């Protein structure tokens, strides 16, 4: 079930049997010449929605703008400051907790979000810790990157043994193509496999990686590969979320 397509009555009924929810969280940033700007938000969203079609899982709205300041040298990128993102995650968590949610599972699609999400969790737990009374109900927050779900990274590297890369990877582009087939783009990569290297601020990124890719050849991506990854990741998510929600 998707919270955005449910009524409050349906959500209240869901809470009678489960106190857990999945929140896809990502970013709006460049993903090379053929990758969608919404890739990092779309990947966890697509996987979470597929899992919800197969199991009794409530999926919240996608937190689709994250920390992507290092991508601002490329048109279309939108970012939050870490402090803004932390405050927003706190407000989302407080809202859900007020209704009785006790297990909030954040399915992430952007590596650059990780430090900020963890900092937000620390702020939430600090607020509970400074209270004069124990929190009722209890609260557990979990961060999981979709590519680190059990077996997913291994599958992606099996499908793309050469040119999978670090950013604008073939696997993430394939997932978005499977989820949004009308948005596929055919672009010749020059060079075929992008160079590897470190990133810092936006100006250095654009200078070091002119087309946005890092170590990847996303021209390999196709709908069929994306469908395979989605199905595998959705099953892994169902298993992990079931364990998390039962604690």
Protein backbone atom coordinates (compact mmCIF):
# COMPACT_ATOMS: atom_id res chain seq x y z
CA UNK A 1 0.00 0.00 0.00
CA UNK A 2 1.19 3.51 -0.81
CA UNK A 3 0.49 6.13 1.83
CA UNK A 4 -0.02 8.79 -0.85
CA UNK A 5 -2.79 6.72 -2.45
CA UNK A 6 -4.42 5.61 0.81
CA UNK A 7 -7.04 7.28 2.96
CA UNK A 8 -6.43 8.07 6.62
CA UNK A 9 -8.87 5.31 7.50
CA UNK A 10 -6.78 2.76 5.58
CA UNK A 11 -3.60 3.92 7.30
CA UNK A 12 -5.27 3.71 10.71
CA UNK A 13 -6.37 0.17 9.90
CA UNK A 14 -2.83 -0.75 8.80
CA UNK A 15 -1.49 0.50 12.13
CA UNK A 16 -3.65 -2.05 13.93
CA UNK A 17 -1.42 -4.83 12.56
CA UNK A 18 1.89 -3.09 11.77
CA UNK A 19 3.79 -0.14 13.19
CA UNK A 20 6.37 -0.11 10.37
CA UNK A 21 6.72 1.95 7.21
CA UNK A 22 9.22 2.24 4.35
CA UNK A 23 10.33 5.71 3.25
CA UNK A 24 12.24 5.85 -0.06
CA UNK A 25 14.84 8.61 0.10
CA UNK A 26 17.07 9.87 -2.67
CA UNK A 27 18.30 12.88 -4.58
CA UNK A 28 17.80 15.03 -7.67
CA UNK A 29 21.16 15.12 -9.41
CA UNK A 30 22.87 14.46 -12.70
CA UNK A 31 23.52 10.85 -13.69
CA UNK A 32 25.60 11.24 -16.80
CA UNK A 33 24.45 11.73 -20.40
CA UNK A 34 21.72 9.06 -20.38
CA UNK A 35 20.74 8.88 -16.70
CA UNK A 36 17.67 10.54 -15.25
CA UNK A 37 18.05 13.39 -12.76
CA UNK A 38 15.67 11.57 -10.45
CA UNK A 39 17.59 8.27 -10.54
CA UNK A 40 18.53 8.20 -6.85
CA UNK A 41 14.94 8.85 -5.77
CA UNK A 42 13.35 6.64 -8.42
CA UNK A 43 15.42 3.52 -7.68
CA UNK A 44 14.35 3.07 -4.03
CA UNK A 45 10.81 4.18 -4.89
CA UNK A 46 10.45 1.65 -7.71
CA UNK A 47 11.86 -1.18 -5.57
CA UNK A 48 9.73 -0.27 -2.55
CA UNK A 49 6.54 -0.08 -4.61
CA UNK A 50 7.30 -3.46 -6.19
CA UNK A 51 7.80 -4.96 -2.72
CA UNK A 52 4.50 -3.46 -1.56
CA UNK A 53 2.74 -5.19 -4.45
CA UNK A 54 3.93 -8.54 -3.11
CA UNK A 55 3.67 -8.07 0.66
CA UNK A 56 1.78 -6.13 3.30
CA UNK A 57 4.11 -3.13 3.35
CA UNK A 58 3.17 0.53 3.67
CA UNK A 59 5.37 2.82 1.56
CA UNK A 60 5.46 6.51 2.41
CA UNK A 61 6.07 9.41 0.04
CA UNK A 62 9.53 9.59 -1.44
CA UNK A 63 11.93 12.04 0.19
CA UNK A 64 13.28 12.92 -3.22
CA UNK A 65 15.67 15.86 -2.67
CA UNK A 66 18.82 15.11 -0.69
CA UNK A 67 22.39 16.35 -0.27
CA UNK A 68 23.86 16.75 -3.75
CA UNK A 69 25.78 20.00 -3.58
CA UNK A 70 28.77 18.43 -5.36
CA UNK A 71 26.58 17.91 -8.45
CA UNK A 72 25.51 21.56 -8.77
CA UNK A 73 27.87 22.08 -11.70
CA UNK A 74 25.35 20.18 -13.83
CA UNK A 75 22.01 21.64 -14.92
CA UNK A 76 18.91 20.41 -13.11
CA UNK A 77 20.53 19.30 -9.86
CA UNK A 78 18.59 20.34 -6.74
CA UNK A 79 20.06 20.00 -3.27
CA UNK A 80 19.34 20.60 0.40
CA UNK A 81 21.87 21.81 2.92
CA UNK A 82 22.63 19.08 5.47
CA UNK A 83 21.00 21.13 8.23
CA UNK A 84 17.81 21.50 6.18
CA UNK A 85 17.67 17.80 5.41
CA UNK A 86 18.23 16.87 9.05
CA UNK A 87 15.37 19.13 10.15
CA UNK A 88 13.06 17.69 7.49
CA UNK A 89 13.83 14.08 8.47
CA UNK A 90 13.13 14.99 12.10
CA UNK A 91 9.75 16.45 11.13
CA UNK A 92 8.82 13.44 8.99
CA UNK A 93 9.77 11.13 11.85
CA UNK A 94 7.86 13.14 14.46
CA UNK A 95 4.76 13.19 12.26
CA UNK A 96 4.81 9.43 11.73
CA UNK A 97 5.58 8.72 15.37
CA UNK A 98 2.58 10.79 16.45
CA UNK A 99 0.31 8.36 14.60
CA UNK A 100 1.90 5.34 16.29
CA UNK A 101 4.63 4.29 13.86
CA UNK A 102 7.50 2.70 15.78
CA UNK A 103 9.68 1.30 12.98
CA UNK A 104 10.71 3.68 10.19
CA UNK A 105 12.81 2.09 7.46
CA UNK A 106 14.55 4.57 5.16
CA UNK A 107 15.46 2.97 1.82
CA UNK A 108 18.18 5.19 0.39
CA UNK A 109 19.30 5.69 -3.20
CA UNK A 110 22.11 8.24 -2.84
CA UNK A 111 25.45 7.63 -1.15
CA UNK A 112 25.87 11.35 -0.47
CA UNK A 113 22.84 11.21 1.85
CA UNK A 114 24.32 8.70 4.27
CA UNK A 115 26.18 11.02 6.69
CA UNK A 116 23.23 13.42 6.87
CA UNK A 117 20.63 10.69 7.42
CA UNK A 118 22.72 9.23 10.23
CA UNK A 119 23.09 12.71 11.75
CA UNK A 120 19.31 13.14 11.58
CA UNK A 121 18.83 9.83 13.37
CA UNK A 122 21.20 11.05 16.08
CA UNK A 123 19.16 14.23 16.49
CA UNK A 124 15.93 12.24 16.80
CA UNK A 125 17.43 9.90 19.40
CA UNK A 126 18.99 12.83 21.27
CA UNK A 127 15.61 14.52 21.59
CA UNK A 128 14.12 11.32 23.00
CA UNK A 129 17.09 10.85 25.33
CA UNK A 130 16.83 14.33 26.84
CA UNK A 131 13.14 13.86 27.68
CA UNK A 132 12.24 13.38 31.35
CA UNK A 133 10.22 10.22 30.66
CA UNK A 134 10.91 7.14 28.52
CA UNK A 135 9.51 7.42 24.97
CA UNK A 136 6.20 5.65 24.51
CA UNK A 137 5.93 4.00 22.09
CA UNK A 138 9.52 3.06 21.37
CA UNK A 139 11.13 4.11 18.12
CA UNK A 140 13.64 2.43 15.82
CA UNK A 141 15.05 4.03 12.68
CA UNK A 142 16.89 2.07 10.01
CA UNK A 143 18.91 3.21 7.01
CA UNK A 144 19.47 0.79 4.15
CA UNK A 145 20.92 1.54 0.72
CA UNK A 146 19.00 -0.35 -1.95
CA UNK A 147 22.21 -1.62 -3.58
CA UNK A 148 23.29 -3.11 -0.24
CA UNK A 149 20.20 -5.26 0.21
CA UNK A 150 21.22 -8.90 0.46
CA UNK A 151 22.73 -10.10 -2.81
CA UNK A 152 21.89 -7.01 -4.86
CA UNK A 153 25.44 -5.70 -5.31
CA UNK A 154 26.62 -9.15 -6.34
CA UNK A 155 23.83 -9.41 -8.91
CA UNK A 156 24.62 -5.97 -10.37
CA UNK A 157 28.30 -6.84 -10.72
CA UNK A 158 27.37 -10.16 -12.32
CA UNK A 159 25.18 -8.42 -14.91
CA UNK A 160 27.75 -5.68 -15.53
CA UNK A 161 31.22 -7.15 -14.88
CA UNK A 162 32.89 -4.32 -16.83
CA UNK A 163 32.04 -0.63 -16.58
CA UNK A 164 29.53 -0.84 -13.74
CA UNK A 165 31.24 2.13 -12.12
CA UNK A 166 30.78 4.35 -9.07
CA UNK A 167 28.31 7.01 -10.24
CA UNK A 168 25.73 6.88 -13.02
CA UNK A 169 26.13 3.13 -12.79
CA UNK A 170 24.67 0.77 -15.35
CA UNK A 171 22.51 -0.91 -12.69
CA UNK A 172 20.81 2.24 -11.39
CA UNK A 173 20.15 3.49 -14.91
CA UNK A 174 18.69 0.07 -15.78
CA UNK A 175 16.34 0.20 -12.77
CA UNK A 176 15.01 3.61 -13.82
CA UNK A 177 14.57 2.46 -17.41
CA UNK A 178 12.54 -0.52 -16.22
CA UNK A 179 10.44 1.71 -14.01
CA UNK A 180 10.14 4.52 -16.57
CA UNK A 181 10.54 2.87 -20.00
CA UNK A 182 9.36 6.00 -21.84
CA UNK A 183 12.36 7.89 -20.44
CA UNK A 184 15.09 5.71 -22.01
CA UNK A 185 17.88 7.64 -23.72
CA UNK A 186 20.39 6.38 -26.28
CA UNK A 187 23.68 8.26 -25.91
CA UNK A 188 27.14 7.23 -27.07
CA UNK A 189 29.65 7.39 -24.22
CA UNK A 190 32.98 9.15 -24.81
CA UNK A 191 35.08 7.60 -23.42
CA UNK A 192 33.26 4.28 -23.25
CA UNK A 193 34.15 3.85 -19.57
CA UNK A 194 34.51 7.03 -17.54
CA UNK A 195 37.61 7.63 -15.39
CA UNK A 196 37.72 6.98 -11.65
CA UNK A 197 38.68 9.55 -9.04
CA UNK A 198 37.73 11.53 -5.96
CA UNK A 199 35.08 14.26 -5.75
CA UNK A 200 34.79 17.29 -3.50
CA UNK A 201 32.96 20.48 -4.48
CA UNK A 202 30.85 21.15 -7.56
CA UNK A 203 33.51 22.98 -9.59
CA UNK A 204 36.12 20.26 -9.11
CA UNK A 205 33.56 17.58 -9.98
CA UNK A 206 32.63 19.17 -13.32
CA UNK A 207 36.30 19.69 -14.16
CA UNK A 208 37.33 16.10 -13.35
CA UNK A 209 34.25 14.36 -14.80
CA UNK A 210 32.88 16.52 -17.64
CA UNK A 211 29.87 14.33 -18.46
CA UNK A 212 29.12 13.41 -14.83
CA UNK A 213 30.01 9.70 -14.87
CA UNK A 214 32.57 8.11 -12.57
CA UNK A 215 34.04 4.79 -13.74
CA UNK A 216 30.86 3.72 -15.52
CA UNK A 217 29.44 2.82 -18.90
CA UNK A 218 25.67 3.20 -18.40
CA UNK A 219 25.01 2.72 -22.12
CA UNK A 220 24.85 -0.99 -21.18
CA UNK A 221 21.63 -0.41 -19.22
CA UNK A 222 18.42 -1.94 -20.52
CA UNK A 223 14.86 -2.54 -19.31
CA UNK A 224 15.33 -6.30 -19.01
CA UNK A 225 18.32 -5.94 -16.69
CA UNK A 226 16.44 -3.37 -14.64
CA UNK A 227 13.45 -5.66 -14.22
CA UNK A 228 15.72 -8.44 -13.00
CA UNK A 229 17.36 -6.17 -10.45
CA UNK A 230 14.03 -4.77 -9.25
CA UNK A 231 12.52 -8.21 -8.67
CA UNK A 232 15.59 -9.41 -6.80
CA UNK A 233 15.86 -6.25 -4.67
CA UNK A 234 12.15 -6.24 -3.87
CA UNK A 235 12.32 -9.77 -2.48
CA UNK A 236 15.39 -8.85 -0.41
CA UNK A 237 13.57 -5.77 0.90
CA UNK A 238 10.51 -7.80 1.90
CA UNK A 239 12.66 -10.19 3.90
CA UNK A 240 14.67 -7.46 5.64
CA UNK A 241 11.68 -5.23 6.32
CA UNK A 242 9.69 -8.14 7.76
CA UNK A 243 12.50 -8.83 10.22
CA UNK A 244 12.84 -5.15 11.12
CA UNK A 245 9.12 -4.59 11.62
CA UNK A 246 8.81 -7.63 13.90
CA UNK A 247 11.35 -6.39 16.48
